PDB file of N, CA and C in Angstrom:
ATOM      1  N   MET A   1      96.420  83.297 105.399  1.00  0.00           N
ATOM      2  CA  MET A   1      97.185  84.342 106.026  1.00  0.00           C
ATOM      3  C   MET A   1      97.976  85.078 104.957  1.00  0.00           C
ATOM      4  N   CYS A   2      98.015  86.388 105.056  1.00  0.00           N
ATOM      5  CA  CYS A   2      98.755  87.217 104.111  1.00  0.00           C
ATOM      6  C   CYS A   2      99.934  87.859 104.821  1.00  0.00           C
ATOM      7  N   ILE A   3     101.037  87.989 104.100  1.00  0.00           N
ATOM      8  CA  ILE A   3     102.229  88.617 104.658  1.00  0.00           C
ATOM      9  C   ILE A   3     102.662  89.735 103.729  1.00  0.00           C
ATOM     10  N   ALA A   4     102.976  90.875 104.303  1.00  0.00           N
ATOM     11  CA  ALA A   4     103.545  91.985 103.545  1.00  0.00           C
ATOM     12  C   ALA A   4     104.993  92.151 103.987  1.00  0.00           C
ATOM     13  N   PHE A   5     105.863  92.475 103.038  1.00  0.00           N
ATOM     14  CA  PHE A   5     107.287  92.568 103.319  1.00  0.00           C
ATOM     15  C   PHE A   5     107.785  94.005 103.222  1.00  0.00           C
ATOM     16  N   PRO A   6     108.600  94.436 104.186  1.00  0.00           N
ATOM     17  CA  PRO A   6     109.228  95.752 104.085  1.00  0.00           C
ATOM     18  C   PRO A   6     110.304  95.706 102.994  1.00  0.00           C
ATOM     19  N   MET A   7     110.266  96.672 102.091  1.00  0.00           N
ATOM     20  CA  MET A   7     111.241  96.745 101.011  1.00  0.00           C
ATOM     21  C   MET A   7     111.645  98.199 100.803  1.00  0.00           C
ATOM     22  N   LYS A   8     112.853  98.396 100.308  1.00  0.00           N
ATOM     23  CA  LYS A   8     113.377  99.744 100.094  1.00  0.00           C
ATOM     24  C   LYS A   8     113.213 100.139  98.628  1.00  0.00           C
ATOM     25  N   VAL A   9     112.710 101.344  98.389  1.00  0.00           N
ATOM     26  CA  VAL A   9     112.525 101.843  97.027  1.00  0.00           C
ATOM     27  C   VAL A   9     113.892 102.207  96.449  1.00  0.00           C
ATOM     28  N   LYS A  10     114.225 101.572  95.333  1.00  0.00           N
ATOM     29  CA  LYS A  10     115.513 101.812  94.680  1.00  0.00           C
ATOM     30  C   LYS A  10     115.376 102.739  93.474  1.00  0.00           C
ATOM     31  N   GLU A  11     114.215 102.706  92.819  1.00  0.00           N
ATOM     32  CA  GLU A  11     114.038 103.482  91.596  1.00  0.00           C
ATOM     33  C   GLU A  11     112.553 103.772  91.388  1.00  0.00           C
ATOM     34  N   LEU A  12     112.261 104.981  90.942  1.00  0.00           N
ATOM     35  CA  LEU A  12     110.888 105.341  90.589  1.00  0.00           C
ATOM     36  C   LEU A  12     110.727 105.195  89.080  1.00  0.00           C
ATOM     37  N   LEU A  13     109.632 104.586  88.670  1.00  0.00           N
ATOM     38  CA  LEU A  13     109.336 104.348  87.263  1.00  0.00           C
ATOM     39  C   LEU A  13     108.081 105.111  86.863  1.00  0.00           C
ATOM     40  N   PRO A  14     107.842 105.256  85.559  1.00  0.00           N
ATOM     41  CA  PRO A  14     106.609 105.922  85.115  1.00  0.00           C
ATOM     42  C   PRO A  14     105.361 105.144  85.563  1.00  0.00           C
ATOM     43  N   ASP A  15     104.241 105.797  85.484  1.00  0.00           N
ATOM     44  CA  ASP A  15     102.935 105.192  85.771  1.00  0.00           C
ATOM     45  C   ASP A  15     102.810 104.671  87.192  1.00  0.00           C
ATOM     46  N   HIS A  16     103.392 105.385  88.157  1.00  0.00           N
ATOM     47  CA  HIS A  16     103.249 105.057  89.584  1.00  0.00           C
ATOM     48  C   HIS A  16     103.798 103.672  89.924  1.00  0.00           C
ATOM     49  N   HIS A  17     104.918 103.302  89.337  1.00  0.00           N
ATOM     50  CA  HIS A  17     105.584 102.046  89.662  1.00  0.00           C
ATOM     51  C   HIS A  17     106.989 102.341  90.176  1.00  0.00           C
ATOM     52  N   GLY A  18     107.580 101.337  90.785  1.00  0.00           N
ATOM     53  CA  GLY A  18     108.945 101.488  91.270  1.00  0.00           C
ATOM     54  C   GLY A  18     109.622 100.143  91.389  1.00  0.00           C
ATOM     55  N   ILE A  19     110.944 100.193  91.512  1.00  0.00           N
ATOM     56  CA  ILE A  19     111.735  99.004  91.791  1.00  0.00           C
ATOM     57  C   ILE A  19     112.065  99.042  93.276  1.00  0.00           C
ATOM     58  N   VAL A  20     111.730  97.970  93.983  1.00  0.00           N
ATOM     59  CA  VAL A  20     112.017  97.864  95.411  1.00  0.00           C
ATOM     60  C   VAL A  20     112.955  96.690  95.636  1.00  0.00           C
ATOM     61  N   GLU A  21     113.661  96.705  96.780  1.00  0.00           N
ATOM     62  CA  GLU A  21     114.649  95.671  97.055  1.00  0.00           C
ATOM     63  C   GLU A  21     114.628  95.278  98.516  1.00  0.00           C
ATOM     64  N   SER A  22     114.840  93.999  98.746  1.00  0.00           N
ATOM     65  CA  SER A  22     115.031  93.479 100.099  1.00  0.00           C
ATOM     66  C   SER A  22     115.865  92.215  99.999  1.00  0.00           C
ATOM     67  N   ASP A  23     116.910  92.144 100.786  1.00  0.00           N
ATOM     68  CA  ASP A  23     117.753  90.944 100.832  1.00  0.00           C
ATOM     69  C   ASP A  23     118.320  90.590  99.460  1.00  0.00           C
ATOM     70  N   GLY A  24     118.625  91.603  98.644  1.00  0.00           N
ATOM     71  CA  GLY A  24     119.189  91.380  97.323  1.00  0.00           C
ATOM     72  C   GLY A  24     118.185  91.026  96.248  1.00  0.00           C
ATOM     73  N   VAL A  25     116.910  90.931  96.611  1.00  0.00           N
ATOM     74  CA  VAL A  25     115.853  90.605  95.646  1.00  0.00           C
ATOM     75  C   VAL A  25     115.145  91.897  95.243  1.00  0.00           C
ATOM     76  N   GLU A  26     115.080  92.132  93.934  1.00  0.00           N
ATOM     77  CA  GLU A  26     114.402  93.321  93.422  1.00  0.00           C
ATOM     78  C   GLU A  26     113.092  92.931  92.756  1.00  0.00           C
ATOM     79  N   ARG A  27     112.097  93.789  92.919  1.00  0.00           N
ATOM     80  CA  ARG A  27     110.775  93.565  92.334  1.00  0.00           C
ATOM     81  C   ARG A  27     110.229  94.885  91.793  1.00  0.00           C
ATOM     82  N   ARG A  28     109.432  94.792  90.747  1.00  0.00           N
ATOM     83  CA  ARG A  28     108.695  95.949  90.231  1.00  0.00           C
ATOM     84  C   ARG A  28     107.335  95.921  90.911  1.00  0.00           C
ATOM     85  N   VAL A  29     106.961  97.029  91.559  1.00  0.00           N
ATOM     86  CA  VAL A  29     105.694  97.087  92.272  1.00  0.00           C
ATOM     87  C   VAL A  29     104.944  98.373  91.913  1.00  0.00           C
ATOM     88  N   SER A  30     103.651  98.345  92.166  1.00  0.00           N
ATOM     89  CA  SER A  30     102.830  99.536  91.989  1.00  0.00           C
ATOM     90  C   SER A  30     102.936 100.403  93.240  1.00  0.00           C
ATOM     91  N   LEU A  31     103.120 101.699  93.029  1.00  0.00           N
ATOM     92  CA  LEU A  31     103.156 102.671  94.128  1.00  0.00           C
ATOM     93  C   LEU A  31     101.872 103.493  94.149  1.00  0.00           C
ATOM     94  N   ARG A  32     100.908 103.087  93.358  1.00  0.00           N
ATOM     95  CA  ARG A  32      99.660 103.832  93.155  1.00  0.00           C
ATOM     96  C   ARG A  32      98.864 104.056  94.447  1.00  0.00           C
ATOM     97  N   LEU A  33      98.986 103.176  95.416  1.00  0.00           N
ATOM     98  CA  LEU A  33      98.192 103.299  96.641  1.00  0.00           C
ATOM     99  C   LEU A  33      98.786 104.281  97.658  1.00  0.00           C
ATOM    100  N   LEU A  34      99.992 104.781  97.380  1.00  0.00           N
ATOM    101  CA  LEU A  34     100.656 105.704  98.301  1.00  0.00           C
ATOM    102  C   LEU A  34     100.538 107.134  97.785  1.00  0.00           C
ATOM    103  N   GLU A  35     100.330 108.059  98.701  1.00  0.00           N
ATOM    104  CA  GLU A  35     100.241 109.464  98.308  1.00  0.00           C
ATOM    105  C   GLU A  35     101.591 109.996  97.858  1.00  0.00           C
ATOM    106  N   GLN A  36     102.636 109.628  98.594  1.00  0.00           N
ATOM    107  CA  GLN A  36     103.961 110.151  98.307  1.00  0.00           C
ATOM    108  C   GLN A  36     104.987 109.078  98.616  1.00  0.00           C
ATOM    109  N   CYS A  37     105.961 108.921  97.726  1.00  0.00           N
ATOM    110  CA  CYS A  37     106.985 107.903  97.915  1.00  0.00           C
ATOM    111  C   CYS A  37     108.218 108.322  97.120  1.00  0.00           C
ATOM    112  N   GLY A  38     109.392 108.089  97.693  1.00  0.00           N
ATOM    113  CA  GLY A  38     110.621 108.463  97.005  1.00  0.00           C
ATOM    114  C   GLY A  38     111.680 107.389  97.116  1.00  0.00           C
ATOM    115  N   VAL A  39     112.752 107.591  96.376  1.00  0.00           N
ATOM    116  CA  VAL A  39     113.888 106.675  96.429  1.00  0.00           C
ATOM    117  C   VAL A  39     114.435 106.653  97.856  1.00  0.00           C
ATOM    118  N   ASN A  40     114.779 105.471  98.336  1.00  0.00           N
ATOM    119  CA  ASN A  40     115.308 105.198  99.678  1.00  0.00           C
ATOM    120  C   ASN A  40     114.229 105.147 100.759  1.00  0.00           C
ATOM    121  N   ASP A  41     112.969 105.365 100.403  1.00  0.00           N
ATOM    122  CA  ASP A  41     111.884 105.162 101.367  1.00  0.00           C
ATOM    123  C   ASP A  41     111.657 103.666 101.544  1.00  0.00           C
ATOM    124  N   TYR A  42     111.152 103.287 102.696  1.00  0.00           N
ATOM    125  CA  TYR A  42     110.751 101.898 102.939  1.00  0.00           C
ATOM    126  C   TYR A  42     109.241 101.800 102.809  1.00  0.00           C
ATOM    127  N   VAL A  43     108.808 100.738 102.132  1.00  0.00           N
ATOM    128  CA  VAL A  43     107.381 100.507 101.940  1.00  0.00           C
ATOM    129  C   VAL A  43     107.053  99.064 102.294  1.00  0.00           C
ATOM    130  N   LEU A  44     105.817  98.847 102.663  1.00  0.00           N
ATOM    131  CA  LEU A  44     105.315  97.504 102.944  1.00  0.00           C
ATOM    132  C   LEU A  44     104.673  97.000 101.658  1.00  0.00           C
ATOM    133  N   VAL A  45     105.147  95.846 101.145  1.00  0.00           N
ATOM    134  CA  VAL A  45     104.705  95.337  99.844  1.00  0.00           C
ATOM    135  C   VAL A  45     103.901  94.061 100.020  1.00  0.00           C
ATOM    136  N   HIS A  46     102.735  94.037  99.377  1.00  0.00           N
ATOM    137  CA  HIS A  46     101.874  92.847  99.375  1.00  0.00           C
ATOM    138  C   HIS A  46     101.266  92.696  97.985  1.00  0.00           C
ATOM    139  N   ALA A  47     101.416  91.524  97.405  1.00  0.00           N
ATOM    140  CA  ALA A  47     100.797  91.177  96.121  1.00  0.00           C
ATOM    141  C   ALA A  47     101.104  92.185  95.018  1.00  0.00           C
ATOM    142  N   GLY A  48     102.357  92.676  95.001  1.00  0.00           N
ATOM    143  CA  GLY A  48     102.765  93.576  93.928  1.00  0.00           C
ATOM    144  C   GLY A  48     102.431  95.034  94.142  1.00  0.00           C
ATOM    145  N   TYR A  49     101.896  95.370  95.312  1.00  0.00           N
ATOM    146  CA  TYR A  49     101.534  96.753  95.633  1.00  0.00           C
ATOM    147  C   TYR A  49     102.233  97.214  96.903  1.00  0.00           C
ATOM    148  N   ALA A  50     102.763  98.430  96.875  1.00  0.00           N
ATOM    149  CA  ALA A  50     103.234  99.064  98.097  1.00  0.00           C
ATOM    150  C   ALA A  50     101.987  99.586  98.800  1.00  0.00           C
ATOM    151  N   ILE A  51     101.708  99.065  99.997  1.00  0.00           N
ATOM    152  CA  ILE A  51     100.443  99.397 100.655  1.00  0.00           C
ATOM    153  C   ILE A  51     100.607 100.392 101.797  1.00  0.00           C
ATOM    154  N   GLU A  52     101.854 100.616 102.235  1.00  0.00           N
ATOM    155  CA  GLU A  52     102.075 101.548 103.338  1.00  0.00           C
ATOM    156  C   GLU A  52     103.533 101.986 103.324  1.00  0.00           C
ATOM    157  N   LYS A  53     103.761 103.240 103.663  1.00  0.00           N
ATOM    158  CA  LYS A  53     105.116 103.752 103.815  1.00  0.00           C
ATOM    159  C   LYS A  53     105.527 103.547 105.270  1.00  0.00           C
ATOM    160  N   LEU A  54     106.771 103.080 105.488  1.00  0.00           N
ATOM    161  CA  LEU A  54     107.268 102.808 106.835  1.00  0.00           C
ATOM    162  C   LEU A  54     108.452 103.703 107.167  1.00  0.00           C
ATOM    163  N   SER A  55     108.644 103.964 108.448  1.00  0.00           N
ATOM    164  CA  SER A  55     109.877 104.630 108.858  1.00  0.00           C
ATOM    165  C   SER A  55     111.012 103.621 108.697  1.00  0.00           C
ATOM    166  N   GLU A  56     112.217 104.107 108.528  1.00  0.00           N
ATOM    167  CA  GLU A  56     113.373 103.218 108.402  1.00  0.00           C
ATOM    168  C   GLU A  56     113.505 102.344 109.642  1.00  0.00           C
ATOM    169  N   GLU A  57     113.294 102.928 110.804  1.00  0.00           N
ATOM    170  CA  GLU A  57     113.398 102.189 112.067  1.00  0.00           C
ATOM    171  C   GLU A  57     112.397 101.025 112.105  1.00  0.00           C
ATOM    172  N   SER A  58     111.168 101.301 111.747  1.00  0.00           N
ATOM    173  CA  SER A  58     110.139 100.270 111.751  1.00  0.00           C
ATOM    174  C   SER A  58     110.440  99.180 110.721  1.00  0.00           C
ATOM    175  N   ALA A  59     110.860  99.585 109.526  1.00  0.00           N
ATOM    176  CA  ALA A  59     111.176  98.611 108.478  1.00  0.00           C
ATOM    177  C   ALA A  59     112.322  97.701 108.902  1.00  0.00           C
ATOM    178  N   LEU A  60     113.379  98.267 109.453  1.00  0.00           N
ATOM    179  CA  LEU A  60     114.530  97.460 109.861  1.00  0.00           C
ATOM    180  C   LEU A  60     114.181  96.527 111.013  1.00  0.00           C
ATOM    181  N   GLU A  61     113.333  96.969 111.912  1.00  0.00           N
ATOM    182  CA  GLU A  61     112.885  96.105 113.008  1.00  0.00           C
ATOM    183  C   GLU A  61     112.058  94.938 112.477  1.00  0.00           C
ATOM    184  N   ASN A  62     111.163  95.213 111.541  1.00  0.00           N
ATOM    185  CA  ASN A  62     110.366  94.149 110.919  1.00  0.00           C
ATOM    186  C   ASN A  62     111.258  93.151 110.189  1.00  0.00           C
ATOM    187  N   LEU A  63     112.251  93.641 109.466  1.00  0.00           N
ATOM    188  CA  LEU A  63     113.170  92.754 108.756  1.00  0.00           C
ATOM    189  C   LEU A  63     113.979  91.902 109.731  1.00  0.00           C
ATOM    190  N   ARG A  64     114.390  92.498 110.844  1.00  0.00           N
ATOM    191  CA  ARG A  64     115.136  91.752 111.858  1.00  0.00           C
ATOM    192  C   ARG A  64     114.288  90.607 112.405  1.00  0.00           C
ATOM    193  N   ILE A  65     113.046  90.889 112.714  1.00  0.00           N
ATOM    194  CA  ILE A  65     112.137  89.860 113.240  1.00  0.00           C
ATOM    195  C   ILE A  65     111.910  88.767 112.199  1.00  0.00           C
ATOM    196  N   MET A  66     111.714  89.147 110.951  1.00  0.00           N
ATOM    197  CA  MET A  66     111.501  88.154 109.902  1.00  0.00           C
ATOM    198  C   MET A  66     112.739  87.263 109.725  1.00  0.00           C
ATOM    199  N   ASN A  67     113.928  87.857 109.823  1.00  0.00           N
ATOM    200  CA  ASN A  67     115.151  87.060 109.726  1.00  0.00           C
ATOM    201  C   ASN A  67     115.297  86.108 110.904  1.00  0.00           C
ATOM    202  N   GLU A  68     114.904  86.544 112.077  1.00  0.00           N
ATOM    203  CA  GLU A  68     114.923  85.651 113.255  1.00  0.00           C
ATOM    204  C   GLU A  68     113.994  84.465 113.020  1.00  0.00           C
ATOM    205  N   LEU A  69     112.801  84.722 112.501  1.00  0.00           N
ATOM    206  CA  LEU A  69     111.851  83.638 112.217  1.00  0.00           C
ATOM    207  C   LEU A  69     112.412  82.670 111.177  1.00  0.00           C
ATOM    208  N   LYS A  70     113.048  83.204 110.127  1.00  0.00           N
ATOM    209  CA  LYS A  70     113.658  82.343 109.111  1.00  0.00           C
ATOM    210  C   LYS A  70     114.717  81.455 109.739  1.00  0.00           C
ATOM    211  N   ASP A  71     115.549  82.032 110.613  1.00  0.00           N
ATOM    212  CA  ASP A  71     116.604  81.254 111.271  1.00  0.00           C
ATOM    213  C   ASP A  71     116.007  80.176 112.166  1.00  0.00           C
ATOM    214  N   GLU A  72     114.959  80.519 112.904  1.00  0.00           N
ATOM    215  CA  GLU A  72     114.312  79.558 113.790  1.00  0.00           C
ATOM    216  C   GLU A  72     113.718  78.382 113.008  1.00  0.00           C
ATOM    217  N   LEU A  73     113.198  78.680 111.812  1.00  0.00           N
ATOM    218  CA  LEU A  73     112.586  77.649 110.990  1.00  0.00           C
ATOM    219  C   LEU A  73     113.600  76.930 110.090  1.00  0.00           C
ATOM    220  N   GLY A  74     114.836  77.405 110.122  1.00  0.00           N
ATOM    221  CA  GLY A  74     115.880  76.782 109.299  1.00  0.00           C
ATOM    222  C   GLY A  74     115.716  77.032 107.822  1.00  0.00           C
ATOM    223  N   LEU A  75     115.166  78.179 107.467  1.00  0.00           N
ATOM    224  CA  LEU A  75     114.948  78.508 106.043  1.00  0.00           C
ATOM    225  C   LEU A  75     116.107  79.292 105.476  1.00  0.00           C
TER     226      LEU A  75
END
């Protein structure tokens, strides 16, 4: 099973890369698969690649659900 995480773009870097953040964790990811992406956009990240751009509403809802699951599992 594969899981992609909603993350917020904090910084755009050269060569179609960016710094994304979620829950205080920052990662460098490739933005090459997206046509357009900017700072403060939410993206779905899997295996080091932003694979889809999300609306803020959708991203926050996904994060809320993931946090509920973490709480239920005691993580």
